[in-house]
N, C-alpha and C. Protein backbone atom coordinates (compact mmCIF):
# COMPACT_ATOMS: atom_id res chain seq x y z
N UNK A 1 0.83 -1.17 0.00
CA UNK A 1 0.00 0.00 0.00
C UNK A 1 0.89 1.25 0.00
N UNK A 2 0.66 2.14 -0.91
CA UNK A 2 1.45 3.38 -1.00
C UNK A 2 0.85 4.44 -0.10
N UNK A 3 1.75 5.10 0.60
CA UNK A 3 1.30 6.20 1.47
C UNK A 3 1.28 7.49 0.66
N UNK A 4 0.29 8.27 0.95
CA UNK A 4 0.16 9.56 0.28
C UNK A 4 1.20 10.52 0.84
N UNK A 5 1.99 11.13 -0.01
CA UNK A 5 3.00 12.09 0.42
C UNK A 5 2.35 13.47 0.47
N UNK A 6 2.43 14.09 1.63
CA UNK A 6 1.86 15.44 1.78
C UNK A 6 2.95 16.45 1.46
N UNK A 7 2.65 17.35 0.57
CA UNK A 7 3.60 18.39 0.21
C UNK A 7 3.38 19.61 1.09
N UNK A 8 4.49 20.16 1.50
CA UNK A 8 4.45 21.37 2.28
C UNK A 8 4.58 22.55 1.31
N UNK A 9 3.54 23.35 1.14
CA UNK A 9 3.62 24.44 0.16
C UNK A 9 4.67 25.48 0.53
N UNK A 10 4.93 25.64 1.82
CA UNK A 10 5.94 26.60 2.24
C UNK A 10 7.33 26.17 1.75
N UNK A 11 7.63 24.87 1.88
CA UNK A 11 8.94 24.38 1.42
C UNK A 11 9.06 24.45 -0.09
N UNK A 12 7.98 24.19 -0.78
CA UNK A 12 8.00 24.27 -2.25
C UNK A 12 8.27 25.71 -2.68
N UNK A 13 7.61 26.68 -2.03
CA UNK A 13 7.85 28.09 -2.36
C UNK A 13 9.27 28.50 -2.05
N UNK A 14 9.83 28.03 -0.92
CA UNK A 14 11.22 28.37 -0.59
C UNK A 14 12.18 27.80 -1.62
N UNK A 15 11.92 26.58 -2.09
CA UNK A 15 12.78 25.97 -3.10
C UNK A 15 12.73 26.78 -4.40
N UNK A 16 11.53 27.19 -4.79
CA UNK A 16 11.39 28.00 -6.02
C UNK A 16 12.10 29.34 -5.86
N UNK A 17 11.92 29.98 -4.71
CA UNK A 17 12.60 31.26 -4.47
C UNK A 17 14.11 31.11 -4.51
N UNK A 18 14.61 30.05 -3.88
CA UNK A 18 16.06 29.84 -3.85
C UNK A 18 16.63 29.61 -5.24
N UNK A 19 15.90 28.86 -6.05
CA UNK A 19 16.39 28.56 -7.39
C UNK A 19 16.27 29.75 -8.33
N UNK A 20 15.28 30.60 -8.12
CA UNK A 20 15.11 31.74 -9.02
C UNK A 20 15.92 32.96 -8.59
N UNK A 21 16.27 33.07 -7.32
CA UNK A 21 17.09 34.21 -6.87
C UNK A 21 18.22 33.71 -5.99
N UNK A 22 19.21 33.06 -6.59
CA UNK A 22 20.30 32.52 -5.79
C UNK A 22 21.19 33.62 -5.23
N UNK A 23 21.87 33.31 -4.16
CA UNK A 23 22.81 34.24 -3.55
C UNK A 23 24.09 34.24 -4.39
N UNK A 24 24.55 35.43 -4.74
CA UNK A 24 25.75 35.56 -5.57
C UNK A 24 26.98 35.07 -4.81
N UNK A 25 27.88 34.45 -5.54
CA UNK A 25 29.14 34.02 -4.93
C UNK A 25 30.04 35.23 -4.76
N UNK A 26 30.63 35.40 -3.58
CA UNK A 26 31.51 36.56 -3.39
C UNK A 26 32.82 36.38 -4.13
N UNK A 27 33.41 37.51 -4.54
CA UNK A 27 34.71 37.48 -5.20
C UNK A 27 35.82 37.19 -4.20
N UNK A 28 37.04 36.96 -4.70
CA UNK A 28 38.14 36.60 -3.80
C UNK A 28 38.48 37.69 -2.79
N UNK A 29 38.40 38.95 -3.18
CA UNK A 29 38.69 40.03 -2.23
C UNK A 29 37.64 40.11 -1.13
N UNK A 30 36.38 39.90 -1.50
CA UNK A 30 35.31 39.91 -0.50
C UNK A 30 35.44 38.73 0.45
N UNK A 31 35.82 37.57 -0.07
CA UNK A 31 36.03 36.40 0.79
C UNK A 31 37.17 36.67 1.76
N UNK A 32 38.26 37.26 1.26
CA UNK A 32 39.39 37.59 2.13
C UNK A 32 38.99 38.60 3.20
N UNK A 33 38.15 39.59 2.82
CA UNK A 33 37.69 40.58 3.79
C UNK A 33 36.80 39.94 4.85
N UNK A 34 35.90 39.06 4.44
CA UNK A 34 34.99 38.43 5.40
C UNK A 34 35.73 37.50 6.36
N UNK A 35 36.80 36.88 5.90
CA UNK A 35 37.55 35.93 6.71
C UNK A 35 38.90 36.50 7.16
N UNK A 36 39.00 37.83 7.27
CA UNK A 36 40.27 38.47 7.59
C UNK A 36 40.82 38.07 8.94
N UNK A 37 39.99 37.96 9.96
CA UNK A 37 40.49 37.61 11.29
C UNK A 37 40.99 36.17 11.32
N UNK A 38 40.26 35.28 10.69
CA UNK A 38 40.69 33.89 10.64
C UNK A 38 41.99 33.74 9.84
N UNK A 39 42.10 34.51 8.73
CA UNK A 39 43.32 34.45 7.91
C UNK A 39 44.52 34.97 8.69
N UNK A 40 44.33 36.06 9.44
CA UNK A 40 45.43 36.60 10.25
C UNK A 40 45.83 35.59 11.32
N UNK A 41 44.85 34.92 11.92
CA UNK A 41 45.16 33.93 12.95
C UNK A 41 45.89 32.72 12.37
N UNK A 42 45.44 32.25 11.21
CA UNK A 42 46.06 31.08 10.60
C UNK A 42 47.48 31.39 10.10
N UNK A 43 47.67 32.58 9.54
CA UNK A 43 48.99 32.94 9.01
C UNK A 43 49.87 33.55 10.10
N UNK A 44 49.29 34.45 10.90
CA UNK A 44 50.08 35.16 11.90
C UNK A 44 50.45 34.33 13.10
N UNK A 45 49.57 33.42 13.53
CA UNK A 45 49.86 32.59 14.70
C UNK A 45 51.12 31.76 14.53
N UNK A 46 51.20 30.93 13.48
CA UNK A 46 52.43 30.17 13.27
C UNK A 46 53.65 31.05 13.02
N UNK A 47 53.47 32.21 12.36
CA UNK A 47 54.61 33.10 12.12
C UNK A 47 55.15 33.63 13.45
N UNK A 48 54.28 34.01 14.37
CA UNK A 48 54.73 34.50 15.68
C UNK A 48 55.44 33.39 16.44
N UNK A 49 54.91 32.16 16.38
CA UNK A 49 55.55 31.04 17.07
C UNK A 49 56.93 30.76 16.48
N UNK A 50 57.04 30.77 15.16
CA UNK A 50 58.34 30.50 14.52
C UNK A 50 59.35 31.58 14.88
N UNK A 51 58.94 32.83 14.84
CA UNK A 51 59.85 33.93 15.19
C UNK A 51 60.26 33.84 16.66
N UNK A 52 59.30 33.52 17.54
CA UNK A 52 59.62 33.40 18.97
C UNK A 52 60.58 32.25 19.23
N UNK A 53 60.39 31.12 18.57
CA UNK A 53 61.28 29.97 18.76
C UNK A 53 62.68 30.31 18.26
N UNK A 54 62.78 31.01 17.14
CA UNK A 54 64.10 31.36 16.59
C UNK A 54 64.83 32.40 17.43
N UNK A 55 64.08 33.32 18.03
CA UNK A 55 64.74 34.38 18.80
C UNK A 55 64.94 34.01 20.27
N UNK A 56 63.95 33.41 20.92
CA UNK A 56 64.03 33.14 22.35
C UNK A 56 64.27 31.67 22.68
N UNK A 57 64.05 30.78 21.74
CA UNK A 57 64.22 29.36 21.99
C UNK A 57 62.88 28.68 22.27
N UNK A 58 62.84 27.36 22.08
CA UNK A 58 61.57 26.65 22.25
C UNK A 58 61.08 26.61 23.69
N UNK A 59 61.97 26.50 24.66
CA UNK A 59 61.54 26.41 26.06
C UNK A 59 60.86 27.71 26.50
N UNK A 60 61.48 28.84 26.18
CA UNK A 60 60.91 30.14 26.57
C UNK A 60 59.58 30.36 25.86
N UNK A 61 59.48 29.96 24.60
CA UNK A 61 58.25 30.12 23.85
C UNK A 61 57.12 29.30 24.46
N UNK A 62 57.41 28.07 24.82
CA UNK A 62 56.38 27.19 25.41
C UNK A 62 55.94 27.73 26.77
N UNK A 63 56.89 28.16 27.60
CA UNK A 63 56.54 28.69 28.92
C UNK A 63 55.72 29.97 28.79
N UNK A 64 56.14 30.87 27.90
CA UNK A 64 55.41 32.13 27.71
C UNK A 64 54.01 31.88 27.18
N UNK A 65 53.89 31.01 26.18
CA UNK A 65 52.57 30.67 25.63
C UNK A 65 51.67 30.04 26.67
N UNK A 66 52.23 29.16 27.50
CA UNK A 66 51.44 28.51 28.56
C UNK A 66 50.98 29.53 29.60
N UNK A 67 51.86 30.48 29.96
CA UNK A 67 51.48 31.50 30.93
C UNK A 67 50.38 32.41 30.39
N UNK A 68 50.46 32.77 29.12
CA UNK A 68 49.41 33.60 28.51
C UNK A 68 48.08 32.86 28.52
N UNK A 69 48.09 31.59 28.12
CA UNK A 69 46.85 30.79 28.12
C UNK A 69 46.29 30.64 29.53
N UNK A 70 47.18 30.40 30.50
CA UNK A 70 46.75 30.27 31.90
C UNK A 70 46.16 31.57 32.42
N UNK A 71 46.78 32.69 32.05
CA UNK A 71 46.26 34.00 32.46
C UNK A 71 44.86 34.23 31.91
N UNK A 72 44.66 33.88 30.64
CA UNK A 72 43.33 34.06 30.03
C UNK A 72 42.30 33.15 30.69
N UNK A 73 42.70 31.93 31.03
CA UNK A 73 41.76 31.00 31.66
C UNK A 73 41.41 31.39 33.10
N UNK A 74 42.37 31.94 33.84
CA UNK A 74 42.15 32.21 35.25
C UNK A 74 41.63 33.62 35.55
N UNK A 75 41.93 34.58 34.70
CA UNK A 75 41.51 35.96 34.95
C UNK A 75 40.15 36.17 34.29
N UNK A 76 39.09 36.39 35.06
CA UNK A 76 37.74 36.48 34.49
C UNK A 76 37.58 37.60 33.45
N UNK A 77 38.20 38.75 33.70
CA UNK A 77 38.06 39.85 32.74
C UNK A 77 38.69 39.49 31.39
N UNK A 78 39.86 38.84 31.42
CA UNK A 78 40.50 38.43 30.17
C UNK A 78 39.67 37.36 29.47
N UNK A 79 39.10 36.46 30.24
CA UNK A 79 38.26 35.41 29.67
C UNK A 79 37.03 36.01 28.99
N UNK A 80 36.41 37.01 29.64
CA UNK A 80 35.24 37.68 29.04
C UNK A 80 35.63 38.42 27.76
N UNK A 81 36.79 39.06 27.76
CA UNK A 81 37.25 39.79 26.56
C UNK A 81 37.49 38.85 25.39
N UNK A 82 38.14 37.73 25.66
CA UNK A 82 38.41 36.75 24.60
C UNK A 82 37.10 36.18 24.07
N UNK A 83 36.16 35.87 24.97
CA UNK A 83 34.86 35.34 24.53
C UNK A 83 34.10 36.37 23.72
N UNK A 84 34.14 37.64 24.14
CA UNK A 84 33.44 38.70 23.40
C UNK A 84 34.04 38.88 22.02
N UNK A 85 35.37 38.84 21.91
CA UNK A 85 36.01 38.97 20.59
C UNK A 85 35.71 37.75 19.71
N UNK A 86 35.64 36.58 20.32
CA UNK A 86 35.28 35.37 19.56
C UNK A 86 33.90 35.53 18.93
N UNK A 87 32.91 36.00 19.73
CA UNK A 87 31.56 36.17 19.21
C UNK A 87 31.50 37.28 18.17
N UNK A 88 32.35 38.29 18.29
CA UNK A 88 32.38 39.36 17.28
C UNK A 88 32.91 38.86 15.94
N UNK A 89 33.66 37.78 15.96
CA UNK A 89 34.15 37.17 14.71
C UNK A 89 33.11 36.20 14.15
N UNK A 90 32.46 35.44 15.02
CA UNK A 90 31.51 34.41 14.58
C UNK A 90 30.18 35.00 14.14
N UNK A 91 29.66 35.98 14.88
CA UNK A 91 28.31 36.49 14.64
C UNK A 91 28.10 37.05 13.23
N UNK A 92 29.03 37.84 12.65
CA UNK A 92 28.78 38.32 11.28
C UNK A 92 28.62 37.18 10.27
N UNK A 93 29.38 36.10 10.45
CA UNK A 93 29.22 34.95 9.55
C UNK A 93 27.82 34.34 9.69
N UNK A 94 27.35 34.24 10.92
CA UNK A 94 26.03 33.65 11.15
C UNK A 94 24.91 34.55 10.64
N UNK A 95 25.08 35.88 10.79
CA UNK A 95 24.06 36.80 10.28
C UNK A 95 24.02 36.75 8.76
N UNK A 96 25.19 36.69 8.11
CA UNK A 96 25.22 36.55 6.65
C UNK A 96 24.54 35.25 6.21
N UNK A 97 24.79 34.17 6.93
CA UNK A 97 24.17 32.89 6.60
C UNK A 97 22.65 32.97 6.76
N UNK A 98 22.19 33.64 7.82
CA UNK A 98 20.75 33.80 8.02
C UNK A 98 20.14 34.64 6.90
N UNK A 99 20.85 35.69 6.49
CA UNK A 99 20.35 36.51 5.39
C UNK A 99 20.27 35.70 4.09
N UNK A 100 21.25 34.85 3.87
CA UNK A 100 21.23 34.02 2.66
C UNK A 100 20.06 33.03 2.72
N UNK A 101 19.83 32.43 3.87
CA UNK A 101 18.74 31.47 4.00
C UNK A 101 17.37 32.15 3.94
N UNK A 102 17.29 33.37 4.44
CA UNK A 102 16.02 34.11 4.40
C UNK A 102 15.84 34.84 3.07
N UNK A 103 16.80 34.69 2.17
CA UNK A 103 16.79 35.32 0.85
C UNK A 103 16.68 36.84 0.95
N UNK A 104 17.45 37.42 1.86
CA UNK A 104 17.54 38.88 1.95
C UNK A 104 18.68 39.29 1.02
N UNK A 105 18.37 39.32 -0.25
CA UNK A 105 19.34 39.66 -1.29
C UNK A 105 18.68 40.58 -2.29
N UNK A 106 19.51 41.32 -3.04
CA UNK A 106 18.94 42.10 -4.12
C UNK A 106 18.84 41.23 -5.37
N UNK A 107 18.43 41.80 -6.49
CA UNK A 107 18.22 40.98 -7.70
C UNK A 107 19.52 40.38 -8.23
N UNK A 108 20.64 40.99 -7.90
CA UNK A 108 21.93 40.44 -8.33
C UNK A 108 22.45 39.39 -7.36
N UNK A 109 21.71 39.14 -6.27
CA UNK A 109 22.09 38.12 -5.31
C UNK A 109 23.04 38.60 -4.24
N UNK A 110 23.21 39.91 -4.08
CA UNK A 110 24.14 40.46 -3.10
C UNK A 110 23.48 40.56 -1.72
N UNK A 111 24.19 40.12 -0.70
CA UNK A 111 23.71 40.18 0.67
C UNK A 111 23.94 41.58 1.24
N UNK A 112 23.21 41.95 2.30
CA UNK A 112 23.53 43.20 2.98
C UNK A 112 24.96 43.16 3.53
N UNK A 113 25.59 44.33 3.64
CA UNK A 113 26.97 44.43 4.08
C UNK A 113 27.03 44.67 5.59
N UNK A 114 27.85 43.91 6.28
CA UNK A 114 28.07 44.13 7.70
C UNK A 114 29.28 45.03 7.84
N UNK A 115 29.05 46.25 8.31
CA UNK A 115 30.12 47.24 8.38
C UNK A 115 31.00 47.08 9.61
N UNK A 116 30.36 46.76 10.73
CA UNK A 116 31.12 46.71 11.97
C UNK A 116 30.40 45.84 12.98
N UNK A 117 31.17 45.19 13.85
CA UNK A 117 30.62 44.42 14.95
C UNK A 117 31.34 44.84 16.22
N UNK A 118 30.58 45.08 17.27
CA UNK A 118 31.17 45.53 18.52
C UNK A 118 30.59 44.73 19.68
N UNK A 119 31.43 44.30 20.64
CA UNK A 119 30.88 43.60 21.81
C UNK A 119 30.14 44.57 22.72
N UNK A 120 29.07 44.10 23.29
CA UNK A 120 28.25 44.87 24.23
C UNK A 120 27.98 43.99 25.44
N UNK A 121 27.56 44.57 26.56
CA UNK A 121 27.26 43.74 27.74
C UNK A 121 26.16 42.70 27.49
N UNK A 122 25.23 42.99 26.59
CA UNK A 122 24.13 42.06 26.31
C UNK A 122 24.46 41.07 25.21
N UNK A 123 25.54 41.26 24.47
CA UNK A 123 25.91 40.39 23.35
C UNK A 123 26.75 41.13 22.34
N UNK A 124 26.26 41.25 21.10
CA UNK A 124 26.99 41.96 20.05
C UNK A 124 26.07 42.95 19.35
N UNK A 125 26.66 44.01 18.86
CA UNK A 125 25.94 45.00 18.06
C UNK A 125 26.60 45.04 16.68
N UNK A 126 25.77 44.88 15.64
CA UNK A 126 26.26 44.91 14.26
C UNK A 126 25.62 46.07 13.53
N UNK A 127 26.41 46.75 12.71
CA UNK A 127 25.90 47.78 11.82
C UNK A 127 25.81 47.15 10.45
N UNK A 128 24.61 47.09 9.90
CA UNK A 128 24.35 46.41 8.62
C UNK A 128 23.88 47.45 7.61
N UNK A 129 24.52 47.45 6.44
CA UNK A 129 24.16 48.36 5.36
C UNK A 129 23.34 47.58 4.34
N UNK A 130 22.08 47.97 4.17
CA UNK A 130 21.21 47.30 3.19
C UNK A 130 21.52 47.85 1.81
N UNK A 131 21.88 46.98 0.89
CA UNK A 131 22.14 47.40 -0.48
C UNK A 131 20.84 47.75 -1.17
N UNK A 132 20.94 48.41 -2.31
CA UNK A 132 19.75 48.72 -3.10
C UNK A 132 19.06 47.41 -3.46
N UNK A 133 17.80 47.31 -3.19
CA UNK A 133 17.05 46.08 -3.43
C UNK A 133 16.71 45.34 -2.15
N UNK A 134 17.34 45.74 -1.04
CA UNK A 134 17.00 45.18 0.27
C UNK A 134 16.61 46.34 1.18
N UNK A 135 15.93 46.01 2.27
CA UNK A 135 15.47 47.08 3.16
C UNK A 135 15.55 46.61 4.61
N UNK A 136 15.51 47.56 5.56
CA UNK A 136 15.47 47.16 6.96
C UNK A 136 14.27 46.28 7.30
N UNK A 137 13.17 46.47 6.58
CA UNK A 137 12.00 45.63 6.80
C UNK A 137 12.28 44.16 6.53
N UNK A 138 13.14 43.88 5.55
CA UNK A 138 13.52 42.49 5.29
C UNK A 138 14.20 41.87 6.50
N UNK A 139 15.09 42.63 7.12
CA UNK A 139 15.77 42.13 8.32
C UNK A 139 14.80 41.98 9.48
N UNK A 140 13.86 42.89 9.61
CA UNK A 140 12.88 42.79 10.69
C UNK A 140 12.00 41.55 10.52
N UNK A 141 11.63 41.25 9.27
CA UNK A 141 10.80 40.06 9.04
C UNK A 141 11.58 38.77 9.31
N UNK A 142 12.89 38.80 9.14
CA UNK A 142 13.72 37.61 9.35
C UNK A 142 14.36 37.58 10.73
N UNK A 143 13.86 38.37 11.66
CA UNK A 143 14.47 38.48 12.99
C UNK A 143 14.58 37.12 13.68
N UNK A 144 13.54 36.31 13.64
CA UNK A 144 13.59 35.00 14.30
C UNK A 144 14.61 34.08 13.64
N UNK A 145 14.71 34.15 12.32
CA UNK A 145 15.68 33.32 11.61
C UNK A 145 17.11 33.76 11.93
N UNK A 146 17.33 35.06 12.06
CA UNK A 146 18.66 35.56 12.43
C UNK A 146 19.01 35.12 13.84
N UNK A 147 18.05 35.21 14.76
CA UNK A 147 18.29 34.78 16.14
C UNK A 147 18.61 33.29 16.20
N UNK A 148 17.93 32.49 15.40
CA UNK A 148 18.18 31.05 15.40
C UNK A 148 19.54 30.72 14.79
N UNK A 149 19.98 31.52 13.81
CA UNK A 149 21.27 31.26 13.18
C UNK A 149 22.44 31.66 14.06
N UNK A 150 22.25 32.67 14.91
CA UNK A 150 23.32 33.10 15.82
C UNK A 150 23.34 32.16 17.01
N UNK A 151 24.34 31.32 17.07
CA UNK A 151 24.41 30.31 18.11
C UNK A 151 24.27 30.91 19.49
N UNK A 152 23.49 30.29 20.34
CA UNK A 152 23.29 30.65 21.74
C UNK A 152 22.65 32.03 21.93
N UNK A 153 22.07 32.58 20.90
CA UNK A 153 21.40 33.87 21.02
C UNK A 153 20.00 33.67 21.58
N UNK A 154 19.58 34.58 22.44
CA UNK A 154 18.25 34.49 23.01
C UNK A 154 17.26 35.39 22.30
N UNK A 155 17.76 36.20 21.40
CA UNK A 155 16.89 37.07 20.63
C UNK A 155 17.71 38.07 19.82
N UNK A 156 17.01 38.81 18.96
CA UNK A 156 17.64 39.81 18.11
C UNK A 156 16.75 41.05 18.13
N UNK A 157 17.38 42.21 18.24
CA UNK A 157 16.64 43.47 18.15
C UNK A 157 17.14 44.23 16.92
N UNK A 158 16.22 44.65 16.07
CA UNK A 158 16.53 45.38 14.85
C UNK A 158 16.11 46.84 15.06
N UNK A 159 17.04 47.77 14.81
CA UNK A 159 16.76 49.19 14.96
C UNK A 159 17.11 49.91 13.67
N UNK A 160 16.16 50.66 13.13
CA UNK A 160 16.42 51.44 11.92
C UNK A 160 17.09 52.75 12.29
N UNK A 161 17.96 53.22 11.41
CA UNK A 161 18.58 54.52 11.61
C UNK A 161 17.60 55.59 11.13
N UNK A 162 17.35 56.64 11.93
CA UNK A 162 16.38 57.64 11.52
C UNK A 162 16.86 58.53 10.36
N UNK A 163 18.18 58.64 10.17
CA UNK A 163 18.70 59.51 9.12
C UNK A 163 19.04 58.77 7.84
N UNK A 164 19.51 57.55 7.96
CA UNK A 164 19.88 56.76 6.77
C UNK A 164 18.99 55.53 6.72
N UNK A 165 18.14 55.47 5.72
CA UNK A 165 17.18 54.36 5.66
C UNK A 165 17.84 53.03 5.34
N UNK A 166 19.06 53.04 4.85
CA UNK A 166 19.71 51.78 4.50
C UNK A 166 20.60 51.24 5.62
N UNK A 167 20.76 51.98 6.72
CA UNK A 167 21.60 51.53 7.84
C UNK A 167 20.72 50.95 8.94
N UNK A 168 21.09 49.76 9.39
CA UNK A 168 20.32 49.04 10.42
C UNK A 168 21.28 48.61 11.51
N UNK A 169 20.85 48.72 12.75
CA UNK A 169 21.63 48.21 13.88
C UNK A 169 20.96 46.92 14.35
N UNK A 170 21.74 45.85 14.35
CA UNK A 170 21.26 44.54 14.77
C UNK A 170 21.91 44.21 16.10
N UNK A 171 21.12 44.09 17.15
CA UNK A 171 21.62 43.70 18.47
C UNK A 171 21.33 42.23 18.68
N UNK A 172 22.39 41.43 18.86
CA UNK A 172 22.25 40.01 19.15
C UNK A 172 22.30 39.86 20.66
N UNK A 173 21.20 39.42 21.24
CA UNK A 173 21.05 39.33 22.69
C UNK A 173 21.46 37.95 23.16
N UNK A 174 22.55 37.88 23.91
CA UNK A 174 23.07 36.61 24.41
C UNK A 174 22.90 36.47 25.92
N UNK A 175 22.92 37.56 26.65
CA UNK A 175 22.83 37.51 28.11
C UNK A 175 21.59 38.26 28.57
N UNK A 176 20.64 37.51 29.13
CA UNK A 176 19.39 38.14 29.58
C UNK A 176 19.57 38.88 30.89
N UNK A 177 20.62 38.55 31.65
CA UNK A 177 20.82 39.24 32.93
C UNK A 177 21.40 40.63 32.72
N UNK A 178 21.78 40.97 31.50
CA UNK A 178 22.29 42.30 31.18
C UNK A 178 21.21 43.08 30.45
N UNK A 179 20.89 44.27 30.92
CA UNK A 179 19.83 45.05 30.24
C UNK A 179 20.31 45.57 28.89
N UNK A 180 19.40 45.59 27.95
CA UNK A 180 19.68 46.13 26.63
C UNK A 180 19.34 47.61 26.67
N UNK A 181 20.31 48.48 26.34
CA UNK A 181 19.98 49.91 26.38
C UNK A 181 18.91 50.24 25.35
N UNK A 182 18.06 51.17 25.72
CA UNK A 182 16.98 51.55 24.81
C UNK A 182 17.38 52.76 23.99
N UNK A 183 18.68 52.89 23.71
CA UNK A 183 19.14 54.03 22.92
C UNK A 183 18.69 53.87 21.48
N UNK A 184 18.51 54.98 20.85
CA UNK A 184 18.07 54.95 19.46
C UNK A 184 19.25 54.66 18.56
N UNK A 185 18.96 54.35 17.31
CA UNK A 185 20.03 54.11 16.35
C UNK A 185 20.88 55.35 16.16
N UNK A 186 20.28 56.52 16.35
CA UNK A 186 21.02 57.76 16.18
C UNK A 186 22.12 57.87 17.23
N UNK A 187 21.83 57.44 18.46
CA UNK A 187 22.83 57.48 19.52
C UNK A 187 23.93 56.47 19.26
N UNK A 188 23.56 55.29 18.77
CA UNK A 188 24.56 54.29 18.45
C UNK A 188 25.36 54.65 17.22
N UNK A 189 24.81 55.50 16.39
CA UNK A 189 25.46 55.91 15.16
C UNK A 189 26.67 56.80 15.40
N UNK A 190 26.71 57.47 16.56
CA UNK A 190 27.81 58.41 16.81
C UNK A 190 29.16 57.72 16.76
N UNK A 191 29.21 56.44 17.10
CA UNK A 191 30.47 55.71 17.06
C UNK A 191 30.82 55.27 15.65
N UNK A 192 29.96 55.51 14.70
CA UNK A 192 30.16 55.05 13.34
C UNK A 192 30.48 56.23 12.43
N UNK A 193 31.15 57.24 12.94
CA UNK A 193 31.37 58.46 12.17
C UNK A 193 32.26 58.24 10.96
N UNK A 194 33.13 57.25 11.00
CA UNK A 194 34.02 57.08 9.85
C UNK A 194 33.28 56.58 8.61
N UNK A 195 32.04 56.10 8.76
CA UNK A 195 31.27 55.65 7.61
C UNK A 195 30.38 56.75 7.07
N UNK A 196 30.49 57.95 7.62
CA UNK A 196 29.67 59.07 7.11
C UNK A 196 30.10 59.45 5.71
N UNK A 197 29.13 59.70 4.81
CA UNK A 197 29.49 60.10 3.46
C UNK A 197 30.01 61.53 3.42
């Protein structure tokens, strides 16, 4: 006896949307820019170790590296700083992935640009530039999908900039015991003066 297969119209529509408006592949310079911190760590880490071993010797290098790691593990402030910087590197990748899955792209398949990520007491704050063809409303509609894509996030707050309609502040909420400031995007924008036209 054959079982009747029930089709989910939502999944069928998502498949059609994905096939008709695919996300554009980034060029090599854009890939290097998006993965700049990881590239510096992969190239710079071994280079620093090699230089340290050649100048100070392997024993001094191992002891110094162990002391630095121990300091980071035992000092709570250093541990929080390292964790905050880790999330500032991971979160933009996850937000881009959520935008790709939610099909927040223009007709050429370009994703919104993440200009800056900064650690905050509640999690991370990202400044996102919506390209022509995308809008802050697209990000607001995909808020739950963005929150689900950002690992260990408890929610996402989207704030439109009152002066620039294409600039959006995305707050990724990771710690509920820390209050989220109710400042407007205009107040948060003051730290973004280098992006002023």
